[in-house]
Amino acid sequence: MDVLDTYFRRYDEVGRGEEQLEELLALFSEDVKVVINGDNKSGIQGFTQILEKFFHVHEEIKHMWDGWIKREDGKYETNWAVCGKLSDGRVYTAEGIDIAELDDQGKIVYFENVRKNPELLKIY
């Protein structure tokens, strides 16, 4: 799933500047539904708010992920692990799964992030 693999690569680069943010946002439909650790946001503006909040407190982040597997419901799922460095210098690791759905144009219309430890990244 090229667009979904690209999502991880672009996400890791977003903290570097506006161009990287635009490249990430281009992967999503305007009416995307995003669920992060149970918190629902609708539309590209909602997702942009999540990103701005996240990268306000992150200096750097790096994802590793398994290949995306198509589920019976037509959505795709992968396991991920991440290491991150916060703006205050603290570092952390986290794991979870991501679930995504693509529209006919190959844009992400649904994206869900489920963390193994939901409390860990409530640091921002």
PDB file of N, CA and C in Angstrom:
ATOM      1  N   MET A   1       0.838  -1.176   0.000  1.00  0.00           N
ATOM      2  CA  MET A   1       0.000   0.000   0.000  1.00  0.00           C
ATOM      3  C   MET A   1       0.883   1.241   0.000  1.00  0.00           C
ATOM      4  N   ASP A   2       1.218   1.681  -1.161  1.00  0.00           N
ATOM      5  CA  ASP A   2       2.163   2.772  -1.297  1.00  0.00           C
ATOM      6  C   ASP A   2       1.725   4.037  -0.555  1.00  0.00           C
ATOM      7  N   VAL A   3       0.457   4.441  -0.693  1.00  0.00           N
ATOM      8  CA  VAL A   3       0.008   5.666  -0.031  1.00  0.00           C
ATOM      9  C   VAL A   3       0.102   5.533   1.485  1.00  0.00           C
ATOM     10  N   LEU A   4      -0.177   4.348   2.001  1.00  0.00           N
ATOM     11  CA  LEU A   4      -0.129   4.145   3.449  1.00  0.00           C
ATOM     12  C   LEU A   4       1.302   4.074   3.968  1.00  0.00           C
ATOM     13  N   ASP A   5       2.195   3.480   3.201  1.00  0.00           N
ATOM     14  CA  ASP A   5       3.613   3.509   3.579  1.00  0.00           C
ATOM     15  C   ASP A   5       4.143   4.941   3.518  1.00  0.00           C
ATOM     16  N   THR A   6       3.706   5.675   2.501  1.00  0.00           N
ATOM     17  CA  THR A   6       4.114   7.076   2.368  1.00  0.00           C
ATOM     18  C   THR A   6       3.616   7.888   3.553  1.00  0.00           C
ATOM     19  N   TYR A   7       2.441   7.554   4.079  1.00  0.00           N
ATOM     20  CA  TYR A   7       1.918   8.250   5.250  1.00  0.00           C
ATOM     21  C   TYR A   7       2.954   8.247   6.378  1.00  0.00           C
ATOM     22  N   PHE A   8       3.492   7.068   6.720  1.00  0.00           N
ATOM     23  CA  PHE A   8       4.467   6.994   7.809  1.00  0.00           C
ATOM     24  C   PHE A   8       5.709   7.832   7.506  1.00  0.00           C
ATOM     25  N   ARG A   9       6.199   7.731   6.282  1.00  0.00           N
ATOM     26  CA  ARG A   9       7.405   8.481   5.929  1.00  0.00           C
ATOM     27  C   ARG A   9       7.176   9.994   6.040  1.00  0.00           C
ATOM     28  N   ARG A  10       6.057  10.443   5.520  1.00  0.00           N
ATOM     29  CA  ARG A  10       5.749  11.885   5.577  1.00  0.00           C
ATOM     30  C   ARG A  10       5.465  12.339   7.001  1.00  0.00           C
ATOM     31  N   TYR A  11       4.798  11.504   7.787  1.00  0.00           N
ATOM     32  CA  TYR A  11       4.503  11.881   9.168  1.00  0.00           C
ATOM     33  C   TYR A  11       5.794  12.150   9.933  1.00  0.00           C
ATOM     34  N   ASP A  12       6.776  11.286   9.738  1.00  0.00           N
ATOM     35  CA  ASP A  12       8.058  11.448  10.425  1.00  0.00           C
ATOM     36  C   ASP A  12       8.776  12.729  10.025  1.00  0.00           C
ATOM     37  N   GLU A  13       8.439  13.297   8.863  1.00  0.00           N
ATOM     38  CA  GLU A  13       9.105  14.494   8.349  1.00  0.00           C
ATOM     39  C   GLU A  13       8.355  15.788   8.662  1.00  0.00           C
ATOM     40  N   VAL A  14       7.121  15.712   9.151  1.00  0.00           N
ATOM     41  CA  VAL A  14       6.272  16.895   9.302  1.00  0.00           C
ATOM     42  C   VAL A  14       6.908  17.969  10.168  1.00  0.00           C
ATOM     43  N   GLY A  15       7.619  17.601  11.206  1.00  0.00           N
ATOM     44  CA  GLY A  15       8.228  18.582  12.084  1.00  0.00           C
ATOM     45  C   GLY A  15       9.301  19.436  11.422  1.00  0.00           C
ATOM     46  N   ARG A  16       9.708  19.074  10.219  1.00  0.00           N
ATOM     47  CA  ARG A  16      10.775  19.798   9.526  1.00  0.00           C
ATOM     48  C   ARG A  16      10.294  21.050   8.802  1.00  0.00           C
ATOM     49  N   GLY A  17       8.981  21.131   8.493  1.00  0.00           N
ATOM     50  CA  GLY A  17       8.535  22.337   7.811  1.00  0.00           C
ATOM     51  C   GLY A  17       7.191  22.211   7.127  1.00  0.00           C
ATOM     52  N   GLU A  18       6.748  23.325   6.579  1.00  0.00           N
ATOM     53  CA  GLU A  18       5.437  23.433   5.941  1.00  0.00           C
ATOM     54  C   GLU A  18       5.299  22.544   4.707  1.00  0.00           C
ATOM     55  N   GLU A  19       6.359  22.432   3.910  1.00  0.00           N
ATOM     56  CA  GLU A  19       6.311  21.604   2.705  1.00  0.00           C
ATOM     57  C   GLU A  19       6.027  20.142   3.052  1.00  0.00           C
ATOM     58  N   GLN A  20       6.653  19.643   4.103  1.00  0.00           N
ATOM     59  CA  GLN A  20       6.438  18.257   4.520  1.00  0.00           C
ATOM     60  C   GLN A  20       5.011  18.070   5.031  1.00  0.00           C
ATOM     61  N   LEU A  21       4.481  19.070   5.739  1.00  0.00           N
ATOM     62  CA  LEU A  21       3.098  19.002   6.201  1.00  0.00           C
ATOM     63  C   LEU A  21       2.147  18.925   5.021  1.00  0.00           C
ATOM     64  N   GLU A  22       2.359  19.739   4.006  1.00  0.00           N
ATOM     65  CA  GLU A  22       1.497  19.734   2.822  1.00  0.00           C
ATOM     66  C   GLU A  22       1.565  18.393   2.093  1.00  0.00           C
ATOM     67  N   GLU A  23       2.751  17.797   2.021  1.00  0.00           N
ATOM     68  CA  GLU A  23       2.894  16.489   1.375  1.00  0.00           C
ATOM     69  C   GLU A  23       2.114  15.417   2.133  1.00  0.00           C
ATOM     70  N   LEU A  24       2.128  15.494   3.458  1.00  0.00           N
ATOM     71  CA  LEU A  24       1.355  14.545   4.260  1.00  0.00           C
ATOM     72  C   LEU A  24      -0.137  14.764   4.055  1.00  0.00           C
ATOM     73  N   LEU A  25      -0.584  15.992   4.148  1.00  0.00           N
ATOM     74  CA  LEU A  25      -2.009  16.289   4.025  1.00  0.00           C
ATOM     75  C   LEU A  25      -2.556  15.904   2.654  1.00  0.00           C
ATOM     76  N   ALA A  26      -1.718  15.946   1.628  1.00  0.00           N
ATOM     77  CA  ALA A  26      -2.144  15.583   0.273  1.00  0.00           C
ATOM     78  C   ALA A  26      -2.558  14.114   0.168  1.00  0.00           C
ATOM     79  N   LEU A  27      -2.167  13.286   1.127  1.00  0.00           N
ATOM     80  CA  LEU A  27      -2.532  11.865   1.120  1.00  0.00           C
ATOM     81  C   LEU A  27      -3.957  11.629   1.600  1.00  0.00           C
ATOM     82  N   PHE A  28      -4.584  12.639   2.189  1.00  0.00           N
ATOM     83  CA  PHE A  28      -5.884  12.502   2.835  1.00  0.00           C
ATOM     84  C   PHE A  28      -6.976  13.208   2.042  1.00  0.00           C
ATOM     85  N   SER A  29      -8.202  12.660   2.105  1.00  0.00           N
ATOM     86  CA  SER A  29      -9.340  13.342   1.501  1.00  0.00           C
ATOM     87  C   SER A  29      -9.739  14.511   2.394  1.00  0.00           C
ATOM     88  N   GLU A  30     -10.398  15.484   1.821  1.00  0.00           N
ATOM     89  CA  GLU A  30     -10.827  16.669   2.570  1.00  0.00           C
ATOM     90  C   GLU A  30     -11.782  16.314   3.702  1.00  0.00           C
ATOM     91  N   ASP A  31     -12.559  15.242   3.540  1.00  0.00           N
ATOM     92  CA  ASP A  31     -13.548  14.863   4.552  1.00  0.00           C
ATOM     93  C   ASP A  31     -13.119  13.648   5.372  1.00  0.00           C
ATOM     94  N   VAL A  32     -11.824  13.477   5.544  1.00  0.00           N
ATOM     95  CA  VAL A  32     -11.276  12.350   6.290  1.00  0.00           C
ATOM     96  C   VAL A  32     -11.836  12.309   7.717  1.00  0.00           C
ATOM     97  N   LYS A  33     -12.018  11.112   8.213  1.00  0.00           N
ATOM     98  CA  LYS A  33     -12.355  10.916   9.628  1.00  0.00           C
ATOM     99  C   LYS A  33     -11.113  10.322  10.279  1.00  0.00           C
ATOM    100  N   VAL A  34     -10.635  10.973  11.347  1.00  0.00           N
ATOM    101  CA  VAL A  34      -9.431  10.538  12.047  1.00  0.00           C
ATOM    102  C   VAL A  34      -9.801  10.212  13.487  1.00  0.00           C
ATOM    103  N   VAL A  35      -9.363   9.037  13.943  1.00  0.00           N
ATOM    104  CA  VAL A  35      -9.590   8.614  15.320  1.00  0.00           C
ATOM    105  C   VAL A  35      -8.215   8.338  15.931  1.00  0.00           C
ATOM    106  N   ILE A  36      -7.836   9.178  16.892  1.00  0.00           N
ATOM    107  CA  ILE A  36      -6.542   9.037  17.555  1.00  0.00           C
ATOM    108  C   ILE A  36      -6.803   8.678  19.015  1.00  0.00           C
ATOM    109  N   ASN A  37      -6.483   7.431  19.352  1.00  0.00           N
ATOM    110  CA  ASN A  37      -6.629   6.986  20.735  1.00  0.00           C
ATOM    111  C   ASN A  37      -8.049   7.249  21.254  1.00  0.00           C
ATOM    112  N   GLY A  38      -9.043   7.033  20.376  1.00  0.00           N
ATOM    113  CA  GLY A  38     -10.440   7.202  20.753  1.00  0.00           C
ATOM    114  C   GLY A  38     -10.997   8.592  20.552  1.00  0.00           C
ATOM    115  N   ASP A  39     -10.165   9.580  20.230  1.00  0.00           N
ATOM    116  CA  ASP A  39     -10.603  10.964  19.997  1.00  0.00           C
ATOM    117  C   ASP A  39     -10.898  11.139  18.512  1.00  0.00           C
ATOM    118  N   ASN A  40     -12.144  11.488  18.169  1.00  0.00           N
ATOM    119  CA  ASN A  40     -12.574  11.625  16.779  1.00  0.00           C
ATOM    120  C   ASN A  40     -12.427  13.056  16.272  1.00  0.00           C
ATOM    121  N   LYS A  41     -11.885  13.185  15.077  1.00  0.00           N
ATOM    122  CA  LYS A  41     -11.807  14.474  14.379  1.00  0.00           C
ATOM    123  C   LYS A  41     -12.286  14.256  12.951  1.00  0.00           C
ATOM    124  N   SER A  42     -13.051  15.203  12.433  1.00  0.00           N
ATOM    125  CA  SER A  42     -13.539  15.101  11.065  1.00  0.00           C
ATOM    126  C   SER A  42     -12.922  16.181  10.200  1.00  0.00           C
ATOM    127  N   GLY A  43     -12.623  15.819   8.969  1.00  0.00           N
ATOM    128  CA  GLY A  43     -12.109  16.762   7.997  1.00  0.00           C
ATOM    129  C   GLY A  43     -10.618  16.994   8.110  1.00  0.00           C
ATOM    130  N   ILE A  44     -10.084  17.530   7.034  1.00  0.00           N
ATOM    131  CA  ILE A  44      -8.645  17.776   6.975  1.00  0.00           C
ATOM    132  C   ILE A  44      -8.228  18.827   8.003  1.00  0.00           C
ATOM    133  N   GLN A  45      -9.134  19.764   8.334  1.00  0.00           N
ATOM    134  CA  GLN A  45      -8.805  20.761   9.349  1.00  0.00           C
ATOM    135  C   GLN A  45      -8.641  20.119  10.720  1.00  0.00           C
ATOM    136  N   GLY A  46      -9.500  19.155  11.047  1.00  0.00           N
ATOM    137  CA  GLY A  46      -9.377  18.443  12.313  1.00  0.00           C
ATOM    138  C   GLY A  46      -8.071  17.680  12.402  1.00  0.00           C
ATOM    139  N   PHE A  47      -7.688  17.046  11.300  1.00  0.00           N
ATOM    140  CA  PHE A  47      -6.427  16.320  11.278  1.00  0.00           C
ATOM    141  C   PHE A  47      -5.248  17.286  11.395  1.00  0.00           C
ATOM    142  N   THR A  48      -5.340  18.425  10.733  1.00  0.00           N
ATOM    143  CA  THR A  48      -4.282  19.428  10.818  1.00  0.00           C
ATOM    144  C   THR A  48      -4.106  19.907  12.255  1.00  0.00           C
ATOM    145  N   GLN A  49      -5.192  20.088  12.982  1.00  0.00           N
ATOM    146  CA  GLN A  49      -5.108  20.486  14.383  1.00  0.00           C
ATOM    147  C   GLN A  49      -4.369  19.442  15.211  1.00  0.00           C
ATOM    148  N   ILE A  50      -4.656  18.175  14.959  1.00  0.00           N
ATOM    149  CA  ILE A  50      -3.956  17.092  15.661  1.00  0.00           C
ATOM    150  C   ILE A  50      -2.454  17.181  15.396  1.00  0.00           C
ATOM    151  N   LEU A  51      -2.091  17.355  14.139  1.00  0.00           N
ATOM    152  CA  LEU A  51      -0.674  17.429  13.769  1.00  0.00           C
ATOM    153  C   LEU A  51       0.023  18.623  14.416  1.00  0.00           C
ATOM    154  N   GLU A  52      -0.634  19.773  14.383  1.00  0.00           N
ATOM    155  CA  GLU A  52      -0.036  20.968  14.978  1.00  0.00           C
ATOM    156  C   GLU A  52       0.192  20.783  16.476  1.00  0.00           C
ATOM    157  N   LYS A  53      -0.778  20.195  17.144  1.00  0.00           N
ATOM    158  CA  LYS A  53      -0.651  19.936  18.581  1.00  0.00           C
ATOM    159  C   LYS A  53       0.489  18.957  18.854  1.00  0.00           C
ATOM    160  N   PHE A  54       0.533  17.879  18.068  1.00  0.00           N
ATOM    161  CA  PHE A  54       1.552  16.857  18.241  1.00  0.00           C
ATOM    162  C   PHE A  54       2.951  17.421  18.020  1.00  0.00           C
ATOM    163  N   PHE A  55       3.142  18.119  16.913  1.00  0.00           N
ATOM    164  CA  PHE A  55       4.483  18.593  16.582  1.00  0.00           C
ATOM    165  C   PHE A  55       4.873  19.860  17.340  1.00  0.00           C
ATOM    166  N   HIS A  56       3.964  20.428  18.068  1.00  0.00           N
ATOM    167  CA  HIS A  56       4.302  21.545  18.953  1.00  0.00           C
ATOM    168  C   HIS A  56       5.182  21.061  20.106  1.00  0.00           C
ATOM    169  N   VAL A  57       5.010  19.807  20.515  1.00  0.00           N
ATOM    170  CA  VAL A  57       5.769  19.269  21.648  1.00  0.00           C
ATOM    171  C   VAL A  57       6.779  18.193  21.242  1.00  0.00           C
ATOM    172  N   HIS A  58       6.882  17.903  19.950  1.00  0.00           N
ATOM    173  CA  HIS A  58       7.827  16.895  19.475  1.00  0.00           C
ATOM    174  C   HIS A  58       8.950  17.524  18.665  1.00  0.00           C
ATOM    175  N   GLU A  59      10.151  17.104  18.976  1.00  0.00           N
ATOM    176  CA  GLU A  59      11.311  17.527  18.193  1.00  0.00           C
ATOM    177  C   GLU A  59      11.535  16.579  17.025  1.00  0.00           C
ATOM    178  N   GLU A  60      11.336  15.280  17.288  1.00  0.00           N
ATOM    179  CA  GLU A  60      11.601  14.275  16.253  1.00  0.00           C
ATOM    180  C   GLU A  60      10.802  13.020  16.559  1.00  0.00           C
ATOM    181  N   ILE A  61      10.481  12.272  15.487  1.00  0.00           N
ATOM    182  CA  ILE A  61       9.746  11.023  15.639  1.00  0.00           C
ATOM    183  C   ILE A  61      10.163  10.081  14.509  1.00  0.00           C
ATOM    184  N   LYS A  62      10.170   8.780  14.790  1.00  0.00           N
ATOM    185  CA  LYS A  62      10.534   7.787  13.781  1.00  0.00           C
ATOM    186  C   LYS A  62       9.663   6.551  13.949  1.00  0.00           C
ATOM    187  N   HIS A  63       8.934   6.204  12.881  1.00  0.00           N
ATOM    188  CA  HIS A  63       8.066   5.023  12.868  1.00  0.00           C
ATOM    189  C   HIS A  63       8.740   3.831  12.188  1.00  0.00           C
ATOM    190  N   MET A  64       8.402   2.659  12.648  1.00  0.00           N
ATOM    191  CA  MET A  64       8.648   1.388  11.967  1.00  0.00           C
ATOM    192  C   MET A  64       7.290   0.698  11.906  1.00  0.00           C
ATOM    193  N   TRP A  65       7.028  -0.033  10.832  1.00  0.00           N
ATOM    194  CA  TRP A  65       5.726  -0.676  10.700  1.00  0.00           C
ATOM    195  C   TRP A  65       5.829  -1.948   9.887  1.00  0.00           C
ATOM    196  N   ASP A  66       4.873  -2.864  10.165  1.00  0.00           N
ATOM    197  CA  ASP A  66       4.722  -4.071   9.367  1.00  0.00           C
ATOM    198  C   ASP A  66       4.060  -3.674   8.050  1.00  0.00           C
ATOM    199  N   GLY A  67       3.955  -4.602   7.136  1.00  0.00           N
ATOM    200  CA  GLY A  67       3.208  -4.335   5.917  1.00  0.00           C
ATOM    201  C   GLY A  67       1.714  -4.176   6.221  1.00  0.00           C
ATOM    202  N   TRP A  68       1.042  -3.420   5.395  1.00  0.00           N
ATOM    203  CA  TRP A  68      -0.403  -3.228   5.544  1.00  0.00           C
ATOM    204  C   TRP A  68      -1.148  -4.451   5.039  1.00  0.00           C
ATOM    205  N   ILE A  69      -2.101  -4.932   5.827  1.00  0.00           N
ATOM    206  CA  ILE A  69      -2.904  -6.105   5.491  1.00  0.00           C
ATOM    207  C   ILE A  69      -4.347  -5.657   5.263  1.00  0.00           C
ATOM    208  N   LYS A  70      -4.959  -6.111   4.179  1.00  0.00           N
ATOM    209  CA  LYS A  70      -6.361  -5.778   3.922  1.00  0.00           C
ATOM    210  C   LYS A  70      -7.246  -6.674   4.773  1.00  0.00           C
ATOM    211  N   ARG A  71      -8.147  -6.049   5.508  1.00  0.00           N
ATOM    212  CA  ARG A  71      -9.069  -6.765   6.391  1.00  0.00           C
ATOM    213  C   ARG A  71     -10.337  -7.146   5.630  1.00  0.00           C
ATOM    214  N   GLU A  72     -11.148  -7.990   6.250  1.00  0.00           N
ATOM    215  CA  GLU A  72     -12.405  -8.422   5.634  1.00  0.00           C
ATOM    216  C   GLU A  72     -13.353  -7.257   5.384  1.00  0.00           C
ATOM    217  N   ASP A  73     -13.286  -6.207   6.200  1.00  0.00           N
ATOM    218  CA  ASP A  73     -14.170  -5.053   6.030  1.00  0.00           C
ATOM    219  C   ASP A  73     -13.663  -4.060   4.973  1.00  0.00           C
ATOM    220  N   GLY A  74     -12.550  -4.398   4.295  1.00  0.00           N
ATOM    221  CA  GLY A  74     -12.018  -3.550   3.241  1.00  0.00           C
ATOM    222  C   GLY A  74     -11.013  -2.517   3.723  1.00  0.00           C
ATOM    223  N   LYS A  75     -10.882  -2.353   5.023  1.00  0.00           N
ATOM    224  CA  LYS A  75      -9.895  -1.427   5.572  1.00  0.00           C
ATOM    225  C   LYS A  75      -8.541  -2.129   5.650  1.00  0.00           C
ATOM    226  N   TYR A  76      -7.494  -1.341   5.848  1.00  0.00           N
ATOM    227  CA  TYR A  76      -6.137  -1.867   5.966  1.00  0.00           C
ATOM    228  C   TYR A  76      -5.641  -1.661   7.387  1.00  0.00           C
ATOM    229  N   GLU A  77      -4.765  -2.570   7.830  1.00  0.00           N
ATOM    230  CA  GLU A  77      -4.261  -2.516   9.201  1.00  0.00           C
ATOM    231  C   GLU A  77      -2.779  -2.863   9.222  1.00  0.00           C
ATOM    232  N   THR A  78      -2.050  -2.213  10.133  1.00  0.00           N
ATOM    233  CA  THR A  78      -0.641  -2.540  10.341  1.00  0.00           C
ATOM    234  C   THR A  78      -0.270  -2.327  11.799  1.00  0.00           C
ATOM    235  N   ASN A  79       0.715  -3.077  12.252  1.00  0.00           N
ATOM    236  CA  ASN A  79       1.341  -2.846  13.554  1.00  0.00           C
ATOM    237  C   ASN A  79       2.429  -1.802  13.368  1.00  0.00           C
ATOM    238  N   TRP A  80       2.620  -0.960  14.369  1.00  0.00           N
ATOM    239  CA  TRP A  80       3.675   0.043  14.304  1.00  0.00           C
ATOM    240  C   TRP A  80       4.385   0.158  15.646  1.00  0.00           C
ATOM    241  N   ALA A  81       5.584   0.689  15.570  1.00  0.00           N
ATOM    242  CA  ALA A  81       6.359   1.067  16.757  1.00  0.00           C
ATOM    243  C   ALA A  81       6.983   2.415  16.433  1.00  0.00           C
ATOM    244  N   VAL A  82       7.176   3.221  17.461  1.00  0.00           N
ATOM    245  CA  VAL A  82       7.703   4.553  17.252  1.00  0.00           C
ATOM    246  C   VAL A  82       8.644   4.913  18.391  1.00  0.00           C
ATOM    247  N   CYS A  83       9.650   5.686  18.072  1.00  0.00           N
ATOM    248  CA  CYS A  83      10.452   6.331  19.113  1.00  0.00           C
ATOM    249  C   CYS A  83      10.363   7.823  18.838  1.00  0.00           C
ATOM    250  N   GLY A  84      10.293   8.579  19.886  1.00  0.00           N
ATOM    251  CA  GLY A  84      10.133  10.012  19.726  1.00  0.00           C
ATOM    252  C   GLY A  84      10.961  10.783  20.731  1.00  0.00           C
ATOM    253  N   LYS A  85      11.246  12.025  20.353  1.00  0.00           N
ATOM    254  CA  LYS A  85      11.939  12.941  21.250  1.00  0.00           C
ATOM    255  C   LYS A  85      11.083  14.188  21.378  1.00  0.00           C
ATOM    256  N   LEU A  86      10.746  14.512  22.617  1.00  0.00           N
ATOM    257  CA  LEU A  86       9.921  15.682  22.886  1.00  0.00           C
ATOM    258  C   LEU A  86      10.759  16.947  22.858  1.00  0.00           C
ATOM    259  N   SER A  87      10.102  18.069  22.719  1.00  0.00           N
ATOM    260  CA  SER A  87      10.795  19.364  22.689  1.00  0.00           C
ATOM    261  C   SER A  87      11.575  19.641  23.961  1.00  0.00           C
ATOM    262  N   ASP A  88      11.134  19.052  25.080  1.00  0.00           N
ATOM    263  CA  ASP A  88      11.848  19.254  26.348  1.00  0.00           C
ATOM    264  C   ASP A  88      13.007  18.275  26.540  1.00  0.00           C
ATOM    265  N   GLY A  89      13.289  17.441  25.519  1.00  0.00           N
ATOM    266  CA  GLY A  89      14.432  16.539  25.569  1.00  0.00           C
ATOM    267  C   GLY A  89      14.113  15.120  25.993  1.00  0.00           C
ATOM    268  N   ARG A  90      12.926  14.880  26.548  1.00  0.00           N
ATOM    269  CA  ARG A  90      12.563  13.512  26.940  1.00  0.00           C
ATOM    270  C   ARG A  90      12.350  12.639  25.700  1.00  0.00           C
ATOM    271  N   VAL A  91      12.647  11.347  25.851  1.00  0.00           N
ATOM    272  CA  VAL A  91      12.426  10.385  24.772  1.00  0.00           C
ATOM    273  C   VAL A  91      11.438   9.323  25.243  1.00  0.00           C
ATOM    274  N   TYR A  92      10.810   8.654  24.278  1.00  0.00           N
ATOM    275  CA  TYR A  92       9.853   7.597  24.603  1.00  0.00           C
ATOM    276  C   TYR A  92       9.755   6.623  23.435  1.00  0.00           C
ATOM    277  N   THR A  93       9.163   5.475  23.700  1.00  0.00           N
ATOM    278  CA  THR A  93       8.802   4.516  22.665  1.00  0.00           C
ATOM    279  C   THR A  93       7.336   4.160  22.863  1.00  0.00           C
ATOM    280  N   ALA A  94       6.680   3.751  21.783  1.00  0.00           N
ATOM    281  CA  ALA A  94       5.281   3.355  21.841  1.00  0.00           C
ATOM    282  C   ALA A  94       5.012   2.342  20.740  1.00  0.00           C
ATOM    283  N   GLU A  95       3.915   1.585  20.925  1.00  0.00           N
ATOM    284  CA  GLU A  95       3.483   0.602  19.934  1.00  0.00           C
ATOM    285  C   GLU A  95       1.980   0.687  19.781  1.00  0.00           C
ATOM    286  N   GLY A  96       1.494   0.169  18.652  1.00  0.00           N
ATOM    287  CA  GLY A  96       0.058   0.103  18.446  1.00  0.00           C
ATOM    288  C   GLY A  96      -0.273  -0.419  17.066  1.00  0.00           C
ATOM    289  N   ILE A  97      -1.512  -0.162  16.652  1.00  0.00           N
ATOM    290  CA  ILE A  97      -1.943  -0.504  15.299  1.00  0.00           C
ATOM    291  C   ILE A  97      -2.563   0.735  14.667  1.00  0.00           C
ATOM    292  N   ASP A  98      -2.488   0.806  13.353  1.00  0.00           N
ATOM    293  CA  ASP A  98      -3.197   1.809  12.583  1.00  0.00           C
ATOM    294  C   ASP A  98      -4.163   1.086  11.653  1.00  0.00           C
ATOM    295  N   ILE A  99      -5.316   1.687  11.459  1.00  0.00           N
ATOM    296  CA  ILE A  99      -6.349   1.172  10.573  1.00  0.00           C
ATOM    297  C   ILE A  99      -6.677   2.288   9.590  1.00  0.00           C
ATOM    298  N   ALA A 100      -6.729   1.972   8.297  1.00  0.00           N
ATOM    299  CA  ALA A 100      -6.982   3.002   7.293  1.00  0.00           C
ATOM    300  C   ALA A 100      -7.922   2.480   6.219  1.00  0.00           C
ATOM    301  N   GLU A 101      -8.633   3.430   5.613  1.00  0.00           N
ATOM    302  CA  GLU A 101      -9.499   3.132   4.478  1.00  0.00           C
ATOM    303  C   GLU A 101      -9.202   4.153   3.391  1.00  0.00           C
ATOM    304  N   LEU A 102      -9.158   3.691   2.150  1.00  0.00           N
ATOM    305  CA  LEU A 102      -8.872   4.556   1.014  1.00  0.00           C
ATOM    306  C   LEU A 102     -10.121   4.746   0.159  1.00  0.00           C
ATOM    307  N   ASP A 103     -10.231   5.924  -0.472  1.00  0.00           N
ATOM    308  CA  ASP A 103     -11.339   6.149  -1.398  1.00  0.00           C
ATOM    309  C   ASP A 103     -10.928   5.708  -2.801  1.00  0.00           C
ATOM    310  N   ASP A 104     -11.794   5.940  -3.775  1.00  0.00           N
ATOM    311  CA  ASP A 104     -11.533   5.509  -5.152  1.00  0.00           C
ATOM    312  C   ASP A 104     -10.340   6.217  -5.788  1.00  0.00           C
ATOM    313  N   GLN A 105      -9.986   7.396  -5.263  1.00  0.00           N
ATOM    314  CA  GLN A 105      -8.838   8.142  -5.787  1.00  0.00           C
ATOM    315  C   GLN A 105      -7.539   7.790  -5.049  1.00  0.00           C
ATOM    316  N   GLY A 106      -7.608   6.835  -4.121  1.00  0.00           N
ATOM    317  CA  GLY A 106      -6.422   6.435  -3.372  1.00  0.00           C
ATOM    318  C   GLY A 106      -6.090   7.358  -2.220  1.00  0.00           C
ATOM    319  N   LYS A 107      -7.013   8.228  -1.832  1.00  0.00           N
ATOM    320  CA  LYS A 107      -6.818   9.123  -0.685  1.00  0.00           C
ATOM    321  C   LYS A 107      -7.322   8.432   0.580  1.00  0.00           C
ATOM    322  N   ILE A 108      -6.740   8.777   1.700  1.00  0.00           N
ATOM    323  CA  ILE A 108      -7.145   8.208   2.982  1.00  0.00           C
ATOM    324  C   ILE A 108      -8.420   8.920   3.433  1.00  0.00           C
ATOM    325  N   VAL A 109      -9.500   8.138   3.624  1.00  0.00           N
ATOM    326  CA  VAL A 109     -10.785   8.705   4.062  1.00  0.00           C
ATOM    327  C   VAL A 109     -11.086   8.364   5.513  1.00  0.00           C
ATOM    328  N   TYR A 110     -10.382   7.373   6.047  1.00  0.00           N
ATOM    329  CA  TYR A 110     -10.543   6.973   7.448  1.00  0.00           C
ATOM    330  C   TYR A 110      -9.173   6.568   7.951  1.00  0.00           C
ATOM    331  N   PHE A 111      -8.831   7.074   9.144  1.00  0.00           N
ATOM    332  CA  PHE A 111      -7.549   6.700   9.741  1.00  0.00           C
ATOM    333  C   PHE A 111      -7.730   6.603  11.245  1.00  0.00           C
ATOM    334  N   GLU A 112      -7.358   5.438  11.795  1.00  0.00           N
ATOM    335  CA  GLU A 112      -7.481   5.217  13.238  1.00  0.00           C
ATOM    336  C   GLU A 112      -6.152   4.755  13.806  1.00  0.00           C
ATOM    337  N   ASN A 113      -5.753   5.387  14.891  1.00  0.00           N
ATOM    338  CA  ASN A 113      -4.520   5.059  15.596  1.00  0.00           C
ATOM    339  C   ASN A 113      -4.912   4.496  16.957  1.00  0.00           C
ATOM    340  N   VAL A 114      -4.501   3.250  17.215  1.00  0.00           N
ATOM    341  CA  VAL A 114      -4.826   2.584  18.478  1.00  0.00           C
ATOM    342  C   VAL A 114      -3.513   2.236  19.165  1.00  0.00           C
ATOM    343  N   ARG A 115      -3.275   2.857  20.293  1.00  0.00           N
ATOM    344  CA  ARG A 115      -2.018   2.636  21.020  1.00  0.00           C
ATOM    345  C   ARG A 115      -2.160   1.506  22.017  1.00  0.00           C
ATOM    346  N   LYS A 116      -1.081   0.731  22.179  1.00  0.00           N
ATOM    347  CA  LYS A 116      -1.086  -0.327  23.199  1.00  0.00           C
ATOM    348  C   LYS A 116      -1.206   0.262  24.591  1.00  0.00           C
ATOM    349  N   ASN A 117      -0.550   1.397  24.826  1.00  0.00           N
ATOM    350  CA  ASN A 117      -0.627   2.081  26.105  1.00  0.00           C
ATOM    351  C   ASN A 117      -1.247   3.458  25.862  1.00  0.00           C
ATOM    352  N   PRO A 118      -2.572   3.564  25.997  1.00  0.00           N
ATOM    353  CA  PRO A 118      -3.254   4.828  25.669  1.00  0.00           C
ATOM    354  C   PRO A 118      -2.802   6.018  26.508  1.00  0.00           C
ATOM    355  N   GLU A 119      -2.257   5.777  27.669  1.00  0.00           N
ATOM    356  CA  GLU A 119      -1.850   6.881  28.544  1.00  0.00           C
ATOM    357  C   GLU A 119      -0.506   7.489  28.140  1.00  0.00           C
ATOM    358  N   LEU A 120       0.334   6.709  27.476  1.00  0.00           N
ATOM    359  CA  LEU A 120       1.699   7.147  27.202  1.00  0.00           C
ATOM    360  C   LEU A 120       1.777   8.448  26.434  1.00  0.00           C
ATOM    361  N   LEU A 121       1.074   8.557  25.344  1.00  0.00           N
ATOM    362  CA  LEU A 121       1.194   9.750  24.508  1.00  0.00           C
ATOM    363  C   LEU A 121       0.168  10.818  24.833  1.00  0.00           C
ATOM    364  N   LYS A 122      -0.368  10.780  26.028  1.00  0.00           N
ATOM    365  CA  LYS A 122      -1.196  11.887  26.490  1.00  0.00           C
ATOM    366  C   LYS A 122      -0.304  12.935  27.132  1.00  0.00           C
ATOM    367  N   ILE A 123       0.888  13.061  26.563  1.00  0.00           N
ATOM    368  CA  ILE A 123       1.893  13.970  27.084  1.00  0.00           C
ATOM    369  C   ILE A 123       1.775  15.345  26.458  1.00  0.00           C
ATOM    370  N   TYR A 124       0.889  15.498  25.523  1.00  0.00           N
ATOM    371  CA  TYR A 124       0.705  16.798  24.882  1.00  0.00           C
ATOM    372  C   TYR A 124      -0.747  17.183  24.875  1.00  0.00           C
TER     373      TYR A 124
END
